[in-house]
Amino acid sequence: MSQALILYIGALKAAKYIHNRLINSVLHWPSTTFDRIPSGRIMNRFGFDLDSMDNNLPESLFEFLTYSAMVGNNVRVFNSPM
């Protein structure tokens, strides 16, 4: 339980950092970019990227860490002297 809580807190901090970087990047685009690209398309893309980060990344990272721990335990068991 505590592993999941720590993982999701870390994912929340990472999502906040990436969100701030995306906003900062978009705000530094040349103004002519906003004339060529409709604001709805920018918002839609921005929302899709953040949604995939918020929903998929924590779960995938949790599974990766869980399976890595399982493999590490199996390697340790099979390499121990009998």
N, C-alpha and C. Protein backbone atom coordinates (compact mmCIF):
# COMPACT_ATOMS: atom_id res chain seq x y z
N MET A 1 0.82 -1.19 0.00
CA MET A 1 0.00 0.00 0.00
C MET A 1 0.87 1.25 0.00
N SER A 2 1.90 1.26 0.81
CA SER A 2 2.75 2.45 0.86
C SER A 2 3.53 2.62 -0.44
N GLN A 3 3.88 1.51 -1.09
CA GLN A 3 4.57 1.61 -2.38
C GLN A 3 3.70 2.33 -3.39
N ALA A 4 2.42 1.95 -3.44
CA ALA A 4 1.51 2.58 -4.40
C ALA A 4 1.33 4.05 -4.09
N LEU A 5 1.24 4.40 -2.82
CA LEU A 5 1.08 5.79 -2.45
C LEU A 5 2.30 6.62 -2.84
N ILE A 6 3.47 6.09 -2.58
CA ILE A 6 4.71 6.79 -2.95
C ILE A 6 4.81 6.93 -4.46
N LEU A 7 4.44 5.86 -5.17
CA LEU A 7 4.50 5.89 -6.63
C LEU A 7 3.54 6.94 -7.19
N TYR A 8 2.34 6.99 -6.68
CA TYR A 8 1.37 7.95 -7.20
C TYR A 8 1.70 9.39 -6.80
N ILE A 9 2.31 9.60 -5.66
CA ILE A 9 2.77 10.94 -5.30
C ILE A 9 3.88 11.37 -6.25
N GLY A 10 4.79 10.45 -6.55
CA GLY A 10 5.85 10.75 -7.51
C GLY A 10 5.30 11.02 -8.89
N ALA A 11 4.29 10.24 -9.30
CA ALA A 11 3.67 10.46 -10.60
C ALA A 11 2.97 11.81 -10.65
N LEU A 12 2.36 12.21 -9.55
CA LEU A 12 1.70 13.50 -9.49
C LEU A 12 2.72 14.64 -9.63
N LYS A 13 3.85 14.51 -8.94
CA LYS A 13 4.90 15.53 -9.05
C LYS A 13 5.46 15.58 -10.47
N ALA A 14 5.65 14.40 -11.07
CA ALA A 14 6.17 14.35 -12.44
C ALA A 14 5.17 14.97 -13.42
N ALA A 15 3.89 14.68 -13.24
CA ALA A 15 2.87 15.25 -14.12
C ALA A 15 2.82 16.77 -13.99
N LYS A 16 2.94 17.26 -12.77
CA LYS A 16 2.94 18.71 -12.56
C LYS A 16 4.15 19.36 -13.23
N TYR A 17 5.31 18.72 -13.11
CA TYR A 17 6.53 19.24 -13.74
C TYR A 17 6.38 19.26 -15.26
N ILE A 18 5.89 18.18 -15.83
CA ILE A 18 5.74 18.10 -17.29
C ILE A 18 4.69 19.09 -17.77
N HIS A 19 3.61 19.23 -17.01
CA HIS A 19 2.57 20.20 -17.37
C HIS A 19 3.14 21.61 -17.41
N ASN A 20 3.90 21.95 -16.39
CA ASN A 20 4.50 23.29 -16.35
C ASN A 20 5.48 23.50 -17.51
N ARG A 21 6.23 22.46 -17.84
CA ARG A 21 7.16 22.58 -18.98
C ARG A 21 6.39 22.75 -20.29
N LEU A 22 5.29 22.02 -20.46
CA LEU A 22 4.49 22.15 -21.67
C LEU A 22 3.89 23.55 -21.79
N ILE A 23 3.34 24.04 -20.70
CA ILE A 23 2.77 25.40 -20.71
C ILE A 23 3.84 26.42 -21.05
N ASN A 24 4.99 26.30 -20.42
CA ASN A 24 6.08 27.23 -20.66
C ASN A 24 6.53 27.18 -22.11
N SER A 25 6.60 25.98 -22.65
CA SER A 25 7.01 25.83 -24.05
C SER A 25 6.00 26.46 -25.00
N VAL A 26 4.73 26.21 -24.77
CA VAL A 26 3.69 26.76 -25.64
C VAL A 26 3.66 28.28 -25.54
N LEU A 27 3.85 28.81 -24.35
CA LEU A 27 3.81 30.27 -24.19
C LEU A 27 5.00 30.96 -24.86
N HIS A 28 6.05 30.24 -25.13
CA HIS A 28 7.21 30.83 -25.79
C HIS A 28 7.22 30.62 -27.31
N TRP A 29 6.14 30.05 -27.85
CA TRP A 29 6.04 29.93 -29.30
C TRP A 29 5.91 31.32 -29.90
N PRO A 30 6.36 31.48 -31.15
CA PRO A 30 6.14 32.77 -31.83
C PRO A 30 4.64 33.00 -32.01
N SER A 31 4.23 34.24 -32.00
CA SER A 31 2.80 34.56 -32.11
C SER A 31 2.21 34.13 -33.45
N THR A 32 3.03 34.02 -34.47
CA THR A 32 2.52 33.59 -35.78
C THR A 32 2.05 32.13 -35.75
N THR A 33 2.56 31.36 -34.83
CA THR A 33 2.12 29.97 -34.70
C THR A 33 0.65 29.91 -34.33
N PHE A 34 0.22 30.81 -33.47
CA PHE A 34 -1.18 30.82 -33.04
C PHE A 34 -2.11 31.31 -34.14
N ASP A 35 -1.57 32.01 -35.13
CA ASP A 35 -2.38 32.42 -36.28
C ASP A 35 -2.62 31.24 -37.22
N ARG A 36 -1.67 30.34 -37.30
CA ARG A 36 -1.76 29.21 -38.22
C ARG A 36 -2.49 28.01 -37.63
N ILE A 37 -2.35 27.78 -36.33
CA ILE A 37 -2.92 26.59 -35.69
C ILE A 37 -4.11 27.02 -34.83
N PRO A 38 -5.28 26.41 -35.07
CA PRO A 38 -6.44 26.76 -34.25
C PRO A 38 -6.21 26.41 -32.77
N SER A 39 -6.71 27.27 -31.88
CA SER A 39 -6.49 27.05 -30.45
C SER A 39 -7.12 25.76 -29.97
N GLY A 40 -8.23 25.34 -30.59
CA GLY A 40 -8.86 24.07 -30.22
C GLY A 40 -7.95 22.88 -30.48
N ARG A 41 -7.21 22.93 -31.57
CA ARG A 41 -6.28 21.84 -31.87
C ARG A 41 -5.14 21.79 -30.86
N ILE A 42 -4.64 22.94 -30.46
CA ILE A 42 -3.58 23.00 -29.45
C ILE A 42 -4.09 22.44 -28.13
N MET A 43 -5.27 22.87 -27.70
CA MET A 43 -5.84 22.42 -26.44
C MET A 43 -6.14 20.92 -26.47
N ASN A 44 -6.64 20.43 -27.60
CA ASN A 44 -6.95 19.01 -27.73
C ASN A 44 -5.68 18.18 -27.60
N ARG A 45 -4.64 18.58 -28.28
CA ARG A 45 -3.37 17.85 -28.22
C ARG A 45 -2.77 17.92 -26.82
N PHE A 46 -2.83 19.08 -26.23
CA PHE A 46 -2.31 19.28 -24.88
C PHE A 46 -3.05 18.37 -23.90
N GLY A 47 -4.37 18.33 -24.00
CA GLY A 47 -5.18 17.50 -23.12
C GLY A 47 -4.92 16.02 -23.33
N PHE A 48 -4.76 15.60 -24.59
CA PHE A 48 -4.50 14.18 -24.87
C PHE A 48 -3.16 13.75 -24.28
N ASP A 49 -2.14 14.57 -24.43
CA ASP A 49 -0.82 14.22 -23.89
C ASP A 49 -0.86 14.12 -22.38
N LEU A 50 -1.50 15.07 -21.73
CA LEU A 50 -1.58 15.04 -20.27
C LEU A 50 -2.43 13.88 -19.77
N ASP A 51 -3.50 13.56 -20.50
CA ASP A 51 -4.35 12.44 -20.11
C ASP A 51 -3.58 11.13 -20.18
N SER A 52 -2.82 10.94 -21.24
CA SER A 52 -2.04 9.70 -21.37
C SER A 52 -0.96 9.63 -20.30
N MET A 53 -0.38 10.75 -19.95
CA MET A 53 0.63 10.76 -18.88
C MET A 53 0.00 10.44 -17.54
N ASP A 54 -1.13 11.05 -17.25
CA ASP A 54 -1.76 10.88 -15.94
C ASP A 54 -2.33 9.48 -15.75
N ASN A 55 -2.85 8.89 -16.80
CA ASN A 55 -3.53 7.61 -16.66
C ASN A 55 -2.65 6.40 -16.94
N ASN A 56 -1.77 6.48 -17.89
CA ASN A 56 -1.00 5.30 -18.30
C ASN A 56 0.35 5.18 -17.62
N LEU A 57 1.02 6.28 -17.41
CA LEU A 57 2.37 6.23 -16.87
C LEU A 57 2.47 5.65 -15.46
N PRO A 58 1.64 6.08 -14.50
CA PRO A 58 1.77 5.51 -13.16
C PRO A 58 1.52 4.00 -13.12
N GLU A 59 0.51 3.56 -13.85
CA GLU A 59 0.20 2.13 -13.85
C GLU A 59 1.33 1.33 -14.50
N SER A 60 1.86 1.81 -15.61
CA SER A 60 2.95 1.11 -16.27
C SER A 60 4.21 1.08 -15.41
N LEU A 61 4.51 2.18 -14.75
CA LEU A 61 5.68 2.25 -13.88
C LEU A 61 5.52 1.31 -12.69
N PHE A 62 4.31 1.26 -12.11
CA PHE A 62 4.05 0.36 -10.98
C PHE A 62 4.25 -1.09 -11.39
N GLU A 63 3.72 -1.47 -12.57
CA GLU A 63 3.89 -2.84 -13.06
C GLU A 63 5.36 -3.15 -13.32
N PHE A 64 6.07 -2.21 -13.90
CA PHE A 64 7.50 -2.42 -14.17
C PHE A 64 8.27 -2.65 -12.87
N LEU A 65 8.02 -1.84 -11.87
CA LEU A 65 8.72 -1.99 -10.60
C LEU A 65 8.35 -3.30 -9.91
N THR A 66 7.08 -3.68 -9.99
CA THR A 66 6.64 -4.93 -9.38
C THR A 66 7.31 -6.13 -10.04
N TYR A 67 7.30 -6.17 -11.36
CA TYR A 67 7.91 -7.30 -12.06
C TYR A 67 9.42 -7.31 -11.92
N SER A 68 10.03 -6.14 -11.83
CA SER A 68 11.48 -6.08 -11.62
C SER A 68 11.84 -6.66 -10.25
N ALA A 69 11.02 -6.35 -9.24
CA ALA A 69 11.26 -6.91 -7.90
C ALA A 69 11.09 -8.42 -7.91
N MET A 70 10.10 -8.92 -8.64
CA MET A 70 9.90 -10.37 -8.74
C MET A 70 11.09 -11.05 -9.39
N VAL A 71 11.58 -10.47 -10.47
CA VAL A 71 12.74 -11.05 -11.17
C VAL A 71 13.96 -11.00 -10.26
N GLY A 72 14.15 -9.90 -9.56
CA GLY A 72 15.28 -9.79 -8.64
C GLY A 72 15.22 -10.83 -7.54
N ASN A 73 14.04 -11.08 -7.01
CA ASN A 73 13.90 -12.10 -5.98
C ASN A 73 14.17 -13.49 -6.53
N ASN A 74 13.72 -13.77 -7.74
CA ASN A 74 13.96 -15.08 -8.35
C ASN A 74 15.44 -15.30 -8.62
N VAL A 75 16.12 -14.28 -9.09
CA VAL A 75 17.55 -14.40 -9.36
C VAL A 75 18.30 -14.64 -8.06
N ARG A 76 17.90 -13.95 -7.01
CA ARG A 76 18.56 -14.11 -5.71
C ARG A 76 18.33 -15.53 -5.16
N VAL A 77 17.13 -16.07 -5.32
CA VAL A 77 16.82 -17.41 -4.83
C VAL A 77 17.60 -18.46 -5.60
N PHE A 78 17.66 -18.34 -6.92
CA PHE A 78 18.33 -19.35 -7.72
C PHE A 78 19.86 -19.28 -7.61
N ASN A 79 20.39 -18.14 -7.21
CA ASN A 79 21.83 -18.00 -7.07
C ASN A 79 22.32 -18.27 -5.66
N SER A 80 21.41 -18.50 -4.74
CA SER A 80 21.86 -18.76 -3.36
C SER A 80 22.39 -20.18 -3.24
N PRO A 81 23.44 -20.37 -2.44
CA PRO A 81 23.99 -21.72 -2.28
C PRO A 81 23.04 -22.61 -1.49
N MET A 82 23.02 -23.86 -1.87
CA MET A 82 22.12 -24.81 -1.19
C MET A 82 22.84 -25.61 -0.17
